[in-house]
Protein backbone atom coordinates (compact mmCIF):
# COMPACT_ATOMS: atom_id res chain seq x y z
CA MET A 1 181.62 90.46 -37.92
CA MET A 2 184.35 88.61 -36.02
CA GLU A 3 186.01 91.92 -35.06
CA PHE A 4 182.68 93.19 -33.72
CA LEU A 5 182.16 89.97 -31.74
CA SER A 6 185.70 90.24 -30.40
CA LEU A 7 185.11 93.80 -29.17
CA ASN A 8 181.84 92.82 -27.49
CA VAL A 9 183.39 89.88 -25.71
CA LYS A 10 186.34 91.98 -24.60
CA LYS A 11 184.17 94.83 -23.31
CA GLU A 12 181.78 92.47 -21.60
CA ASN A 13 184.55 90.57 -19.85
CA LEU A 14 186.91 93.45 -19.09
CA LEU A 15 185.61 94.06 -15.56
CA PHE A 16 185.38 90.33 -14.90
CA PHE A 17 188.99 89.76 -15.96
CA LEU A 18 190.20 92.76 -13.96
CA LEU A 19 188.51 91.34 -10.87
CA VAL A 20 190.05 87.94 -11.51
CA LEU A 21 193.48 89.50 -12.00
CA LEU A 22 193.18 91.52 -8.81
CA LEU A 23 191.96 88.61 -6.73
CA GLY A 24 193.54 85.65 -8.40
CA CYS A 25 197.08 86.31 -9.48
CA ARG A 26 198.48 84.32 -6.58
CA GLN A 27 198.48 80.66 -5.61
CA ASN A 28 196.14 79.44 -2.84
CA SER A 29 198.85 79.61 -0.20
CA GLU A 30 199.51 83.24 -1.09
CA PHE A 31 195.98 84.59 -0.71
CA ASP A 32 195.76 87.33 1.91
CA LEU A 33 194.24 85.21 4.67
CA GLU A 34 194.58 87.97 7.27
CA ARG A 35 192.48 90.30 5.17
CA ILE A 36 189.91 87.58 4.45
CA ASP A 37 189.68 86.79 8.17
CA SER A 38 189.44 90.47 9.03
CA ASP A 39 186.58 90.93 6.56
CA ILE A 40 184.78 87.89 7.99
CA ASP A 41 185.30 89.07 11.58
CA LYS A 42 183.45 92.28 10.68
CA LEU A 43 180.32 90.34 9.69
CA THR A 44 178.63 90.81 13.06
CA THR A 45 175.04 91.27 11.87
CA VAL A 46 172.73 88.94 9.98
CA LYS A 47 172.42 91.63 7.30
CA SER A 48 176.19 91.88 6.76
CA GLN A 49 176.52 88.07 6.69
CA LYS A 50 173.66 87.82 4.19
CA GLU A 51 175.22 90.45 1.92
CA TYR A 52 178.63 88.77 2.08
CA LEU A 53 177.20 85.34 1.25
CA GLU A 54 175.05 86.73 -1.56
CA PHE A 55 178.11 88.48 -3.01
CA LEU A 56 180.03 85.18 -2.96
CA ALA A 57 177.06 83.40 -4.58
CA ASP A 58 176.95 86.03 -7.34
CA GLU A 59 180.71 85.72 -7.90
CA ASP A 60 180.42 81.95 -8.13
CA GLN A 61 177.64 82.18 -10.71
CA ARG A 62 179.20 84.99 -12.71
CA LEU A 63 182.08 82.62 -13.45
CA ARG A 64 179.65 80.14 -14.92
CA GLN A 65 177.45 82.34 -17.09
CA ASN A 66 178.64 81.38 -20.54
CA GLN A 67 182.00 83.15 -20.19
CA SER A 68 183.93 80.03 -21.15
CA SER A 69 181.60 79.33 -24.09
CA LYS A 70 182.13 82.85 -25.45
CA ILE A 71 185.90 82.52 -25.22
CA VAL A 72 185.84 79.10 -26.91
CA LEU A 73 183.51 80.41 -29.62
CA GLU A 74 185.79 83.32 -30.40
CA PHE A 75 189.24 81.83 -29.90
CA GLY A 76 188.71 78.05 -29.96
CA GLN A 77 188.99 75.30 -27.37
CA ASN A 78 192.47 74.97 -25.81
CA SER A 79 193.46 78.31 -27.32
CA LYS A 80 195.80 80.54 -25.32
CA GLU A 81 192.79 82.66 -24.31
CA ASP A 82 190.78 79.59 -23.25
CA ILE A 83 193.68 78.23 -21.17
CA GLU A 84 194.23 81.63 -19.52
CA PHE A 85 190.51 81.95 -18.76
CA THR A 86 190.46 78.47 -17.21
CA LYS A 87 193.42 79.34 -14.98
CA LYS A 88 191.73 82.53 -13.81
CA PHE A 89 188.45 80.68 -13.36
CA ASN A 90 190.13 78.06 -11.16
CA THR A 91 191.97 80.72 -9.16
CA LEU A 92 188.77 82.61 -8.39
CA ASP A 93 187.03 79.32 -7.50
CA SER A 94 189.89 78.59 -5.07
CA LEU A 95 189.65 82.05 -3.55
CA ASN A 96 185.89 81.71 -3.10
CA PHE A 97 186.42 78.33 -1.45
CA ILE A 98 188.91 79.83 1.01
CA LYS A 99 186.45 82.63 1.82
CA ILE A 100 183.50 80.28 2.39
CA ASP A 101 185.68 77.84 4.34
CA ARG A 102 186.79 80.57 6.72
CA TYR A 103 183.29 82.03 6.91
CA LEU A 104 181.84 78.65 7.94
CA LEU A 105 184.53 78.14 10.57
CA LYS A 106 183.69 81.53 12.10
CA HIS A 107 179.92 81.81 11.68
CA GLY A 108 178.66 78.31 10.86
CA HIS A 109 176.23 77.43 8.09
CA PRO A 110 173.65 80.13 7.29
CA GLY A 111 170.00 79.38 7.90
CA LYS A 112 167.41 79.77 5.14
CA ASN A 113 164.93 81.48 7.47
CA LYS A 114 167.57 83.72 9.00
CA HIS A 115 169.74 84.63 5.99
CA GLY A 116 167.46 83.90 3.02
CA SER A 117 167.60 81.23 0.32
CA LYS A 118 170.38 82.71 -1.80
CA ALA A 119 172.73 83.21 1.14
CA SER A 120 171.98 79.77 2.59
CA MET A 121 172.83 78.14 -0.77
CA ALA A 122 176.16 80.00 -1.18
CA PRO A 123 178.29 77.52 0.84
CA TRP A 124 176.87 74.57 -1.09
CA ALA A 125 177.44 76.19 -4.49
CA ILE A 126 181.05 77.08 -3.76
CA ILE A 127 181.90 73.76 -2.09
CA HIS A 128 180.11 71.85 -4.88
CA HIS A 129 182.28 73.59 -7.47
CA SER A 130 185.49 72.76 -5.60
CA ASN A 131 187.85 70.25 -7.20
CA SER A 132 189.42 69.48 -3.83
CA LEU A 133 188.16 66.21 -2.41
CA GLU A 134 189.65 67.12 0.97
CA GLY A 135 187.82 70.45 0.95
CA ARG A 136 184.53 68.83 -0.06
CA ASN A 137 184.81 66.21 2.69
CA LYS A 138 185.83 68.81 5.27
CA HIS A 139 182.39 70.40 5.04
CA PHE A 140 180.36 67.21 4.64
CA ILE A 141 179.00 67.29 8.20
CA MET A 142 177.94 70.93 7.94
CA LEU A 143 176.25 70.39 4.56
CA TYR A 144 174.60 67.20 5.81
CA GLN A 145 173.24 69.06 8.84
CA ALA A 146 172.02 71.91 6.61
CA TYR A 147 170.22 69.29 4.49
CA LYS A 148 168.67 67.69 7.59
CA ASN A 149 167.57 71.14 8.88
CA GLY A 150 165.96 72.10 5.56
CA ASP A 151 168.53 74.81 4.79
CA LEU A 152 169.76 72.79 1.80
CA ASP A 153 167.35 70.93 -0.46
CA TYR A 154 167.59 67.33 -1.60
CA SER A 155 168.63 68.08 -5.19
CA ALA A 156 171.52 70.33 -4.12
CA PHE A 157 172.83 67.91 -1.50
CA SER A 158 172.42 65.01 -3.92
CA LEU A 159 174.43 66.89 -6.60
CA TYR A 160 177.22 67.57 -4.09
CA LEU A 161 177.37 63.89 -3.08
CA GLY A 162 177.08 62.71 -6.68
CA ARG A 163 179.98 64.86 -7.84
CA THR A 164 182.07 63.75 -4.86
CA TYR A 165 181.29 60.13 -5.75
CA GLN A 166 182.35 60.74 -9.35
CA MET A 167 185.61 62.34 -8.17
CA VAL A 168 186.38 59.31 -5.98
CA PHE A 169 185.28 56.48 -8.29
CA GLY A 170 185.48 58.07 -11.75
CA LYS A 171 181.84 57.23 -12.52
CA ARG A 172 178.34 58.24 -11.52
CA PHE A 173 176.57 56.59 -8.62
CA GLN A 174 174.17 53.99 -10.01
CA THR A 175 170.64 53.99 -8.68
CA ASP A 176 167.94 51.40 -9.17
CA GLY A 177 165.13 53.93 -8.82
CA LYS A 178 163.57 51.96 -5.96
CA ARG A 179 165.04 53.96 -3.10
CA THR A 180 163.45 56.98 -1.48
CA GLN A 181 165.38 60.26 -1.60
CA LYS A 182 166.50 59.72 1.98
CA GLU A 183 167.66 56.16 1.19
CA GLU A 184 169.47 57.40 -1.92
CA ILE A 185 171.39 59.99 0.11
CA GLU A 186 172.29 57.39 2.74
CA ALA A 187 173.49 54.92 0.08
CA VAL A 188 175.89 57.47 -1.44
CA ILE A 189 177.14 58.49 2.02
CA ILE A 190 177.88 54.83 2.83
CA ALA A 191 179.59 54.27 -0.53
CA LEU A 192 181.82 57.30 0.08
CA GLY A 193 182.72 56.12 3.59
CA LEU A 194 181.30 59.30 5.11
CA LYS A 195 178.82 57.59 7.47
CA LYS A 196 181.37 57.67 10.28
CA PHE A 197 181.29 61.48 10.19
CA LYS A 198 177.52 61.80 10.66
C-alpha cells in the first residue's frame, strides 16, 4: 500500500517539481529579471494581463493544495523530502513575488471590473504569502487603494494586515468586537505605523 501511495504522490507531483526545479533553482538575486521584465512588457492588452495574473494566481494556489501534507504523510515532517519541498515552495513563492512586484510597477493594480475577480486577487494572494516584511509594506499603498476601490474585499485586506501584524509583533491583533470593519482596518494600520503612507 505504501509503495502504491508513493508512486501516486510521485506521479502527481512530477510536473510540479519539474516546474519548481526549472524556475526555482536559483536564489532571488539570480532570477532572470530581464526575461521577467520582457514578459511583463509584452502584456499590452487587458486580455494578456488577465491571463498572466490568472496564471500567477493558479501557480500560487497549486503550491498550497495539500502538496506539503502529502509529502509529510508519506515521508514524515522534517524528512529530507519535506525539507526539499519547503525549499522549492519558498523559491517559487519568491519568484512569484518578484513577478507580481514587477507587474505592479509596470501596470499598476488590476481592476475587478476590468480584469476579473481572479486576476484582481492575484497580487493580494502572492503578497499575502510573502515572508518579506519589506515586500509586504512596499505594496501596502497599492493594496489599500485596491481595498478602497472595491478591487480587494475586506476579508482579504484584513488577512494581509493581520499576517503583517503577526510578523511584526509575534502575535495576532486583538479586537474587542466593537469596531466596524473600517475602524478595524484603520486600527491595524495605525498599530503597524502604516498610516503615514496612506
